[in-house]
Each structure stands twice: as structure tokens, then as C-alpha cells.
Amino acid sequence: MKVQSTARVALLLMLPWLAACNSNPSRQDIGMMSGAVVGGIVGSTVTGGSTVGTVGGAAAGSYIGNRIAKEMK
């Protein structure tokens, strides 16, 4: 249950960033945001719902998603 609430909070926190985009997001933007969501969920799950684990997972996922999208060009 705690993982679901963490995922919801992560998605709600990302909505302003997504809404602030004036143009279509680039492939890197999509990769970064997708990686952040997946990384946050994985980090939360692995650490038992720890805030540090969630934030660390989101940061790592964001970086990895950005790098993967950059390589796919």
C-alpha cells in the first residue's frame, strides 16, 4: 500500500513539470521523466518505502532514462 501512495505522490509532483512544457517534449525529456517514475517506484520498493530510496531511485532513473534516450537518436 505504501508503494502505491509513493507512486501517486511522485506522479502528482511531476504534473507541474509536464504542464509547463510549451512545446512537445523531446525524446530525452520523455526518457528522463519515464526513468524518474520507474526509478522512484523501484527505489521505494527496494528500500521498503524509504524517502531517500524513492528520491535516489528517481534521480538514478532520470539519469539513466536521459542517457538511453540520447543514445537512441
N, C-alpha and C. Protein backbone atom coordinates (compact mmCIF):
# COMPACT_ATOMS: atom_id res chain seq x y z
N MET A 1 0.82 -1.19 0.00
CA MET A 1 0.00 0.00 0.00
C MET A 1 0.86 1.26 0.00
N LYS A 2 1.99 1.19 0.72
CA LYS A 2 2.86 2.34 0.80
C LYS A 2 3.50 2.65 -0.56
N VAL A 3 3.78 1.60 -1.35
CA VAL A 3 4.38 1.80 -2.66
C VAL A 3 3.40 2.53 -3.58
N GLN A 4 2.13 2.17 -3.50
CA GLN A 4 1.13 2.83 -4.33
C GLN A 4 1.01 4.30 -3.98
N SER A 5 1.01 4.62 -2.71
CA SER A 5 0.91 6.02 -2.32
C SER A 5 2.17 6.80 -2.72
N THR A 6 3.32 6.16 -2.65
CA THR A 6 4.56 6.81 -3.08
C THR A 6 4.52 7.09 -4.58
N ALA A 7 4.03 6.13 -5.34
CA ALA A 7 3.92 6.32 -6.79
C ALA A 7 2.95 7.45 -7.12
N ARG A 8 1.87 7.53 -6.41
CA ARG A 8 0.90 8.61 -6.64
C ARG A 8 1.50 9.97 -6.33
N VAL A 9 2.24 10.05 -5.24
CA VAL A 9 2.88 11.32 -4.87
C VAL A 9 3.90 11.71 -5.93
N ALA A 10 4.67 10.74 -6.42
CA ALA A 10 5.66 11.04 -7.46
C ALA A 10 4.99 11.55 -8.73
N LEU A 11 3.89 10.93 -9.11
CA LEU A 11 3.18 11.38 -10.30
C LEU A 11 2.59 12.78 -10.11
N LEU A 12 2.03 13.03 -8.93
CA LEU A 12 1.46 14.36 -8.67
C LEU A 12 2.53 15.45 -8.66
N LEU A 13 3.71 15.12 -8.15
CA LEU A 13 4.79 16.10 -8.14
C LEU A 13 5.32 16.40 -9.53
N MET A 14 5.17 15.45 -10.44
CA MET A 14 5.68 15.65 -11.79
C MET A 14 4.70 16.37 -12.70
N LEU A 15 3.44 16.45 -12.32
CA LEU A 15 2.45 17.09 -13.18
C LEU A 15 2.77 18.55 -13.52
N PRO A 16 3.21 19.37 -12.57
CA PRO A 16 3.53 20.76 -12.95
C PRO A 16 4.64 20.85 -13.99
N TRP A 17 5.64 19.97 -13.89
CA TRP A 17 6.71 19.98 -14.89
C TRP A 17 6.17 19.63 -16.26
N LEU A 18 5.29 18.64 -16.31
CA LEU A 18 4.74 18.24 -17.59
C LEU A 18 3.81 19.32 -18.15
N ALA A 19 3.06 19.96 -17.28
CA ALA A 19 2.13 21.00 -17.73
C ALA A 19 2.87 22.26 -18.16
N ALA A 20 4.07 22.47 -17.67
CA ALA A 20 4.82 23.69 -18.00
C ALA A 20 5.46 23.63 -19.38
N CYS A 21 5.43 22.50 -20.01
CA CYS A 21 6.03 22.38 -21.34
C CYS A 21 5.20 23.15 -22.36
N ASN A 22 5.84 24.06 -23.06
CA ASN A 22 5.15 24.85 -24.08
C ASN A 22 5.16 24.16 -25.43
N SER A 23 6.07 23.25 -25.62
CA SER A 23 6.16 22.53 -26.89
C SER A 23 6.13 21.04 -26.60
N ASN A 24 6.13 20.27 -27.66
CA ASN A 24 6.16 18.82 -27.48
C ASN A 24 7.47 18.42 -26.83
N PRO A 25 7.42 17.49 -25.88
CA PRO A 25 8.66 17.08 -25.23
C PRO A 25 9.56 16.30 -26.19
N SER A 26 10.84 16.46 -26.00
CA SER A 26 11.79 15.74 -26.84
C SER A 26 11.89 14.29 -26.37
N ARG A 27 12.59 13.49 -27.12
CA ARG A 27 12.79 12.09 -26.75
C ARG A 27 13.54 12.00 -25.42
N GLN A 28 14.50 12.91 -25.22
CA GLN A 28 15.25 12.92 -23.96
C GLN A 28 14.35 13.28 -22.79
N ASP A 29 13.45 14.25 -22.98
CA ASP A 29 12.53 14.63 -21.92
C ASP A 29 11.64 13.46 -21.51
N ILE A 30 11.14 12.75 -22.50
CA ILE A 30 10.27 11.61 -22.23
C ILE A 30 11.06 10.51 -21.52
N GLY A 31 12.27 10.26 -21.98
CA GLY A 31 13.11 9.25 -21.34
C GLY A 31 13.44 9.61 -19.91
N MET A 32 13.73 10.88 -19.68
CA MET A 32 14.07 11.34 -18.34
C MET A 32 12.88 11.20 -17.39
N MET A 33 11.72 11.61 -17.82
CA MET A 33 10.53 11.55 -16.96
C MET A 33 10.11 10.10 -16.71
N SER A 34 10.16 9.28 -17.76
CA SER A 34 9.80 7.87 -17.59
C SER A 34 10.78 7.18 -16.65
N GLY A 35 12.05 7.47 -16.82
CA GLY A 35 13.06 6.89 -15.94
C GLY A 35 12.89 7.32 -14.50
N ALA A 36 12.51 8.58 -14.31
CA ALA A 36 12.31 9.08 -12.94
C ALA A 36 11.15 8.36 -12.26
N VAL A 37 10.07 8.15 -13.00
CA VAL A 37 8.91 7.46 -12.42
C VAL A 37 9.26 6.02 -12.08
N VAL A 38 9.84 5.31 -13.05
CA VAL A 38 10.18 3.91 -12.82
C VAL A 38 11.23 3.79 -11.72
N GLY A 39 12.25 4.65 -11.76
CA GLY A 39 13.29 4.62 -10.74
C GLY A 39 12.76 4.92 -9.34
N GLY A 40 11.83 5.86 -9.25
CA GLY A 40 11.24 6.18 -7.95
C GLY A 40 10.44 5.01 -7.39
N ILE A 41 9.71 4.35 -8.25
CA ILE A 41 8.92 3.19 -7.80
C ILE A 41 9.83 2.05 -7.38
N VAL A 42 10.85 1.79 -8.19
CA VAL A 42 11.80 0.71 -7.85
C VAL A 42 12.57 1.05 -6.57
N GLY A 43 13.03 2.29 -6.46
CA GLY A 43 13.76 2.70 -5.26
C GLY A 43 12.92 2.59 -4.01
N SER A 44 11.66 2.95 -4.12
CA SER A 44 10.75 2.85 -2.99
C SER A 44 10.50 1.39 -2.61
N THR A 45 10.33 0.56 -3.61
CA THR A 45 10.07 -0.86 -3.36
C THR A 45 11.28 -1.55 -2.73
N VAL A 46 12.45 -1.27 -3.26
CA VAL A 46 13.67 -1.93 -2.77
C VAL A 46 13.99 -1.52 -1.34
N THR A 47 13.73 -0.25 -1.00
CA THR A 47 14.09 0.23 0.33
C THR A 47 12.92 0.18 1.31
N GLY A 48 11.83 -0.42 0.92
CA GLY A 48 10.69 -0.54 1.83
C GLY A 48 9.94 0.76 2.05
N GLY A 49 9.91 1.62 1.06
CA GLY A 49 9.16 2.87 1.15
C GLY A 49 9.96 4.04 1.69
N SER A 50 11.26 3.90 1.78
CA SER A 50 12.11 4.97 2.29
C SER A 50 12.09 6.18 1.35
N THR A 51 12.01 7.36 1.92
CA THR A 51 12.03 8.58 1.11
C THR A 51 13.35 8.73 0.38
N VAL A 52 14.43 8.43 1.06
CA VAL A 52 15.75 8.53 0.45
C VAL A 52 15.86 7.55 -0.72
N GLY A 53 15.34 6.35 -0.54
CA GLY A 53 15.36 5.36 -1.62
C GLY A 53 14.52 5.79 -2.80
N THR A 54 13.37 6.41 -2.53
CA THR A 54 12.50 6.87 -3.60
C THR A 54 13.15 7.99 -4.39
N VAL A 55 13.69 8.96 -3.68
CA VAL A 55 14.33 10.10 -4.35
C VAL A 55 15.60 9.65 -5.08
N GLY A 56 16.37 8.79 -4.44
CA GLY A 56 17.58 8.28 -5.09
C GLY A 56 17.25 7.46 -6.33
N GLY A 57 16.22 6.64 -6.25
CA GLY A 57 15.79 5.86 -7.40
C GLY A 57 15.30 6.74 -8.53
N ALA A 58 14.56 7.79 -8.17
CA ALA A 58 14.06 8.71 -9.19
C ALA A 58 15.21 9.46 -9.86
N ALA A 59 16.20 9.86 -9.08
CA ALA A 59 17.34 10.56 -9.66
C ALA A 59 18.14 9.63 -10.57
N ALA A 60 18.39 8.42 -10.11
CA ALA A 60 19.13 7.47 -10.93
C ALA A 60 18.35 7.11 -12.19
N GLY A 61 17.05 6.88 -12.05
CA GLY A 61 16.21 6.55 -13.19
C GLY A 61 16.14 7.68 -14.20
N SER A 62 16.10 8.90 -13.70
CA SER A 62 16.06 10.06 -14.58
C SER A 62 17.34 10.15 -15.40
N TYR A 63 18.46 9.94 -14.75
CA TYR A 63 19.75 9.99 -15.45
C TYR A 63 19.85 8.87 -16.48
N ILE A 64 19.49 7.67 -16.08
CA ILE A 64 19.58 6.53 -16.98
C ILE A 64 18.62 6.70 -18.16
N GLY A 65 17.39 7.14 -17.89
CA GLY A 65 16.43 7.37 -18.97
C GLY A 65 16.89 8.43 -19.95
N ASN A 66 17.51 9.47 -19.44
CA ASN A 66 18.05 10.52 -20.29
C ASN A 66 19.17 9.99 -21.17
N ARG A 67 20.08 9.21 -20.60
CA ARG A 67 21.21 8.66 -21.36
C ARG A 67 20.73 7.66 -22.42
N ILE A 68 19.77 6.84 -22.08
CA ILE A 68 19.26 5.87 -23.05
C ILE A 68 18.59 6.59 -24.21
N ALA A 69 17.78 7.59 -23.91
CA ALA A 69 17.10 8.34 -24.97
C ALA A 69 18.10 9.08 -25.83
N LYS A 70 19.17 9.59 -25.23
CA LYS A 70 20.19 10.30 -26.01
C LYS A 70 20.89 9.35 -26.98
N GLU A 71 21.11 8.11 -26.54
CA GLU A 71 21.78 7.12 -27.38
C GLU A 71 20.89 6.61 -28.51
N MET A 72 19.57 6.75 -28.36
CA MET A 72 18.63 6.22 -29.35
C MET A 72 18.46 7.15 -30.56
N LYS A 73 19.06 8.31 -30.54
CA LYS A 73 18.90 9.26 -31.65
C LYS A 73 19.44 8.74 -32.93
